Protein backbone atom coordinates (compact mmCIF):
# COMPACT_ATOMS: atom_id res chain seq x y z
CA MET A 1 -2.02 2.94 -95.38
CA MET A 2 -0.75 6.52 -95.66
CA LYS A 3 -3.06 9.30 -96.81
CA PHE A 4 -1.91 12.61 -98.24
CA ARG A 5 -3.09 15.79 -99.87
CA LYS A 6 -0.82 17.18 -102.55
CA TYR A 7 -0.25 20.85 -103.32
CA HIS A 8 2.35 22.79 -105.27
CA GLY A 9 3.82 26.25 -105.11
CA LEU A 10 4.98 27.14 -108.63
CA GLY A 11 5.66 23.48 -109.36
CA ASN A 12 7.52 22.88 -106.08
CA ASP A 13 5.23 20.10 -104.84
CA TYR A 14 4.67 18.71 -101.35
CA LEU A 15 2.54 15.97 -99.84
CA VAL A 16 0.78 16.82 -96.58
CA LEU A 17 0.47 13.73 -94.39
CA GLU A 18 -3.08 13.24 -93.10
CA GLU A 19 -2.82 9.65 -91.88
CA GLY A 20 0.01 7.16 -91.33
CA LEU A 21 3.56 6.95 -90.00
CA LEU A 22 6.74 8.13 -91.67
CA THR A 23 10.36 6.97 -91.57
CA PRO A 24 13.27 8.26 -93.65
CA ASP A 25 13.01 5.19 -95.90
CA SER A 26 9.24 5.52 -96.39
CA VAL A 27 9.61 9.23 -97.16
CA ALA A 28 12.17 8.49 -99.88
CA ALA A 29 9.92 5.76 -101.30
CA VAL A 30 6.78 7.93 -101.35
CA CYS A 31 8.60 10.91 -102.90
CA ASP A 32 10.13 8.79 -105.68
CA ARG A 33 8.70 10.16 -108.92
CA HIS A 34 8.85 6.83 -110.77
CA ARG A 35 7.89 4.28 -108.10
CA GLY A 36 6.04 6.42 -105.53
CA LEU A 37 3.60 9.31 -105.47
CA GLY A 38 6.30 11.81 -106.34
CA ALA A 39 7.06 15.03 -104.45
CA ASP A 40 9.76 17.50 -103.45
CA GLY A 41 9.03 16.63 -99.82
CA ILE A 42 6.44 15.68 -97.18
CA LEU A 43 4.86 17.96 -94.57
CA GLN A 44 3.96 16.34 -91.24
CA ARG A 45 1.85 18.11 -88.64
CA LEU A 46 3.22 18.05 -85.08
CA PRO A 47 1.84 19.33 -81.76
CA SER A 48 3.13 22.68 -80.49
CA SER A 49 2.96 24.48 -77.14
CA VAL A 50 4.20 27.80 -78.55
CA ALA A 51 2.30 28.12 -81.86
CA ASP A 52 -1.00 27.14 -83.47
CA THR A 53 0.68 24.02 -84.82
CA GLY A 54 4.05 22.39 -85.34
CA LEU A 55 5.53 21.20 -88.63
CA ARG A 56 8.19 18.71 -89.65
CA ILE A 57 9.47 19.14 -93.22
CA TRP A 58 10.88 16.02 -94.85
CA ASN A 59 13.22 16.28 -97.82
CA PRO A 60 12.65 13.67 -100.57
CA ASP A 61 15.84 11.85 -99.57
CA GLY A 62 14.45 11.25 -96.05
CA SER A 63 16.39 14.01 -94.32
CA ILE A 64 14.78 16.86 -92.36
CA ALA A 65 14.67 20.46 -93.60
CA GLU A 66 14.70 23.31 -91.07
CA LYS A 67 12.52 25.59 -93.19
CA SER A 68 10.78 25.77 -96.57
CA GLY A 69 8.97 28.84 -97.86
CA ASN A 70 6.82 26.87 -100.30
CA GLY A 71 6.29 24.11 -97.76
CA LEU A 72 5.09 26.62 -95.18
CA ARG A 73 2.69 28.24 -97.62
CA ILE A 74 1.29 24.85 -98.63
CA PHE A 75 0.94 23.69 -95.03
CA ALA A 76 -0.76 26.94 -93.99
CA ARG A 77 -3.35 26.62 -96.77
CA TRP A 78 -3.99 22.96 -95.81
CA MET A 79 -4.42 23.93 -92.16
CA VAL A 80 -7.00 26.59 -93.06
CA GLU A 81 -8.90 24.42 -95.54
CA HIS A 82 -8.85 21.08 -93.74
CA GLN A 83 -8.05 21.71 -90.07
CA GLN A 84 -10.22 24.77 -89.37
CA ALA A 85 -7.18 26.91 -88.58
CA PRO A 86 -7.41 30.72 -88.61
CA ASP A 87 -6.35 32.61 -91.74
CA ASP A 88 -3.54 34.16 -89.68
CA ILE A 89 -1.65 31.16 -88.31
CA THR A 90 1.62 30.57 -86.43
CA ILE A 91 3.71 27.48 -87.18
CA GLU A 92 6.55 26.07 -85.10
CA LEU A 93 9.59 24.68 -86.94
CA VAL A 94 12.84 23.27 -85.58
CA CYS A 95 14.37 26.73 -86.21
CA GLY A 96 11.61 28.77 -84.55
CA VAL A 97 8.08 30.09 -85.08
CA VAL A 98 6.86 31.76 -88.27
CA ARG A 99 3.59 33.50 -89.09
CA CYS A 100 1.52 32.83 -92.23
CA GLN A 101 -1.50 34.64 -93.64
CA VAL A 102 -3.77 32.77 -96.04
CA ASP A 103 -5.90 34.71 -98.53
CA GLY A 104 -7.54 32.12 -100.74
CA THR A 105 -4.85 30.61 -102.94
CA SER A 106 -2.30 33.29 -102.01
CA VAL A 107 -0.19 32.84 -98.86
CA THR A 108 2.19 35.28 -97.19
CA VAL A 109 4.92 34.09 -94.81
CA GLN A 110 7.00 36.19 -92.43
CA MET A 111 10.19 34.21 -92.94
CA GLY A 112 12.31 35.84 -90.23
CA GLN A 113 15.60 37.70 -90.48
CA ALA A 114 18.29 36.80 -92.97
CA SER A 115 21.80 36.58 -91.55
CA PHE A 116 25.19 36.67 -93.25
CA ASP A 117 27.13 35.55 -90.16
CA ALA A 118 28.94 32.24 -90.65
CA GLU A 119 27.61 30.73 -87.42
CA HIS A 120 24.01 31.45 -88.44
CA VAL A 121 24.26 29.93 -91.94
CA PRO A 122 26.18 27.75 -90.87
CA SER A 123 29.33 28.01 -92.98
CA THR A 124 33.01 27.71 -92.21
CA GLU A 125 33.50 31.42 -92.93
CA GLU A 126 31.55 34.54 -93.81
CA MET A 127 31.09 34.76 -97.57
CA ILE A 128 29.88 37.97 -99.22
CA PHE A 129 30.47 37.66 -102.98
CA ALA A 130 33.55 35.62 -102.07
CA PRO A 131 35.33 33.88 -105.00
CA LYS A 132 35.64 30.13 -104.42
CA PRO A 133 36.83 27.29 -106.67
CA VAL A 134 34.03 25.02 -107.90
CA GLY A 135 35.31 22.46 -110.37
CA ASP A 136 37.49 24.35 -112.80
CA VAL A 137 35.90 27.79 -112.28
CA MET A 138 35.81 30.47 -109.59
CA LEU A 139 32.30 31.38 -108.45
CA PRO A 140 31.32 34.35 -106.21
CA LEU A 141 29.50 32.86 -103.20
CA THR A 142 27.25 34.68 -100.76
CA ALA A 143 26.24 32.58 -97.74
CA VAL A 144 22.86 33.36 -96.18
CA GLY A 145 21.14 31.90 -93.12
CA LEU A 146 17.35 31.93 -92.93
CA GLY A 147 16.91 29.20 -90.36
CA ASN A 148 18.23 26.95 -93.12
CA PRO A 149 21.48 27.36 -95.08
CA HIS A 150 21.77 29.02 -98.49
CA CYS A 151 24.54 29.80 -100.95
CA VAL A 152 23.67 32.44 -103.57
CA VAL A 153 25.77 32.75 -106.72
CA PHE A 154 25.22 35.94 -108.74
CA LEU A 155 26.22 35.62 -112.38
CA GLY A 156 26.08 38.14 -115.19
CA THR A 157 24.98 35.89 -118.02
CA ASN A 158 22.10 33.70 -119.17
CA LEU A 159 21.79 30.98 -116.55
CA ASP A 160 20.49 28.23 -118.83
CA GLY A 161 23.72 28.23 -120.79
CA LEU A 162 25.74 27.35 -117.70
CA PRO A 163 26.41 23.97 -115.97
CA TRP A 164 24.66 25.23 -112.84
CA ARG A 165 23.26 21.80 -111.94
CA GLU A 166 26.78 20.40 -111.76
CA TRP A 167 27.92 23.39 -109.70
CA GLY A 168 24.89 23.09 -107.43
CA ALA A 169 25.53 19.42 -106.69
CA ALA A 170 29.17 20.19 -105.85
CA LEU A 171 28.34 23.16 -103.63
CA GLU A 172 25.56 21.33 -101.77
CA ARG A 173 28.10 18.97 -100.22
CA SER A 174 31.15 21.25 -100.22
CA GLU A 175 33.47 21.59 -97.24
CA TRP A 176 32.31 25.16 -96.57
CA PHE A 177 28.83 24.09 -95.42
CA PRO A 178 28.82 21.51 -92.59
CA ASN A 179 25.05 20.84 -92.83
CA ARG A 180 25.02 20.90 -96.63
CA VAL A 181 23.39 23.86 -98.35
CA ASN A 182 20.66 25.03 -100.73
CA VAL A 183 22.25 26.63 -103.78
CA GLN A 184 20.83 29.43 -105.91
CA PHE A 185 22.16 30.82 -109.18
CA ALA A 186 20.87 34.31 -109.91
CA ARG A 187 21.04 37.00 -112.58
CA VAL A 188 19.94 40.53 -111.68
CA VAL A 189 17.57 41.90 -114.33
CA ASP A 190 16.91 45.25 -112.65
CA ALA A 191 16.56 46.74 -109.15
CA HIS A 192 13.37 44.79 -108.50
CA THR A 193 13.69 41.66 -110.69
CA ILE A 194 15.96 38.62 -110.51
CA ASP A 195 16.11 35.52 -112.72
CA ALA A 196 17.09 32.39 -110.73
CA ARG A 197 17.69 28.64 -110.81
CA VAL A 198 17.62 26.49 -107.68
CA TRP A 199 19.53 23.40 -106.56
CA GLU A 200 17.85 22.34 -103.31
CA ARG A 201 19.57 20.39 -100.55
CA GLY A 202 18.23 16.84 -100.49
CA ALA A 203 16.08 17.38 -103.60
CA GLY A 204 18.32 18.61 -106.42
CA GLU A 205 16.87 20.81 -109.15
CA THR A 206 13.48 22.31 -108.27
CA LEU A 207 11.14 24.47 -110.34
CA ALA A 208 10.86 26.97 -107.49
CA SER A 209 11.79 27.44 -103.85
CA GLY A 210 10.38 29.93 -101.37
CA SER A 211 13.27 30.06 -98.92
CA SER A 212 15.70 30.20 -101.86
CA ALA A 213 13.81 33.20 -103.29
CA CYS A 214 14.13 34.88 -99.89
CA ALA A 215 17.86 34.16 -99.70
CA ILE A 216 18.38 35.51 -103.22
CA ALA A 217 16.48 38.72 -102.47
CA ALA A 218 18.27 39.26 -99.15
CA ALA A 219 21.67 38.72 -100.76
CA ALA A 220 20.76 41.06 -103.62
CA VAL A 221 19.84 43.81 -101.16
CA ARG A 222 22.98 43.15 -99.10
CA LEU A 223 25.11 43.54 -102.23
CA GLU A 224 23.11 46.63 -103.30
CA HIS A 225 21.94 44.97 -106.52
CA CYS A 226 18.28 45.43 -105.54
CA GLU A 227 16.10 47.18 -103.00
CA GLY A 228 12.76 46.84 -101.25
CA THR A 229 10.42 44.35 -102.91
CA VAL A 230 11.98 41.93 -105.37
CA LEU A 231 10.32 39.61 -107.88
CA VAL A 232 12.30 36.38 -108.08
CA SER A 233 11.58 34.58 -111.36
CA MET A 234 12.19 30.82 -111.48
CA PRO A 235 11.20 28.17 -114.05
CA GLY A 236 8.02 27.42 -112.08
CA GLY A 237 6.98 31.07 -111.83
CA ASP A 238 7.49 34.23 -109.77
CA LEU A 239 7.61 34.86 -106.02
CA GLU A 240 7.50 38.27 -104.37
CA VAL A 241 9.96 38.95 -101.57
CA THR A 242 10.13 42.09 -99.45
CA VAL A 243 13.39 42.73 -97.60
CA GLY A 244 13.36 45.15 -94.66
CA ARG A 245 16.15 47.41 -93.48
CA ASP A 246 16.99 44.83 -90.80
CA PHE A 247 16.92 42.07 -93.44
CA SER A 248 13.61 40.73 -92.19
CA VAL A 249 11.99 38.89 -95.10
CA ILE A 250 8.37 38.51 -96.19
CA LEU A 251 7.45 35.97 -98.90
CA ARG A 252 4.27 36.08 -100.98
CA GLY A 253 3.04 33.61 -103.61
CA PRO A 254 0.34 31.21 -104.82
CA VAL A 255 -0.47 27.69 -103.66
CA GLU A 256 -2.40 25.25 -105.87
CA TYR A 257 -4.22 22.08 -104.81
CA VAL A 258 -3.43 18.92 -106.77
CA GLY A 259 -5.48 16.17 -105.10
CA SER A 260 -5.79 13.52 -102.39
CA MET A 261 -3.58 10.44 -102.61
CA GLU A 262 -2.97 7.15 -100.82
CA CYS A 263 0.06 4.90 -100.55
CA PRO A 264 0.55 1.51 -98.77
């Protein structure tokens, strides 16, 4: 028997494993929205010698994610509420240690430094608003590394009228990103507001994504579309991202509890 607690960050939902063992196949079965409990991923606590706790982030297809902004915020709240962790907690991921601060239902994550170097994304080349063929169109791609890979596509029109899901699926597995990639489609509203849609690696379309919001904001600052603190608006809601001069990124947003669940 596996036991979980479910939370969501703007509709991006995760199951936190409290009891049981996971395999890639069992993760995919549990996350199935028709035959399982349904989730955008599973969060598994691990021991750590360098932080308050370790964390493994499972994608719903059974693969492992290096980082997730919403997943980190959910896990931090669960640690505080159910594991007696301090409000200011450090969490070790496969890509390094991050710091989270829990204030009730609001959680802030110091997400690290965004990089546009190809080796840090990783991508086959540096891409800063670089036109690339996707299907029968040319799209301007900006590759961003945040401990996990991102590809931000800035467009100047209403996003819902575009085949962005088709483009996202193609870009996720494109030749330019050897580890696959999270894809974001963004429209700049003003210097502090961006409208976005997310195609997440291993999950597909998601209502919101924390690390994607960070990548969008960092890319917008890099391209001088925005500055300072940026509100990234997604179908699930808004996340606040502050980008420093060194492209260090801080993510802020809500986490909501759904309930406890069990699965054979």
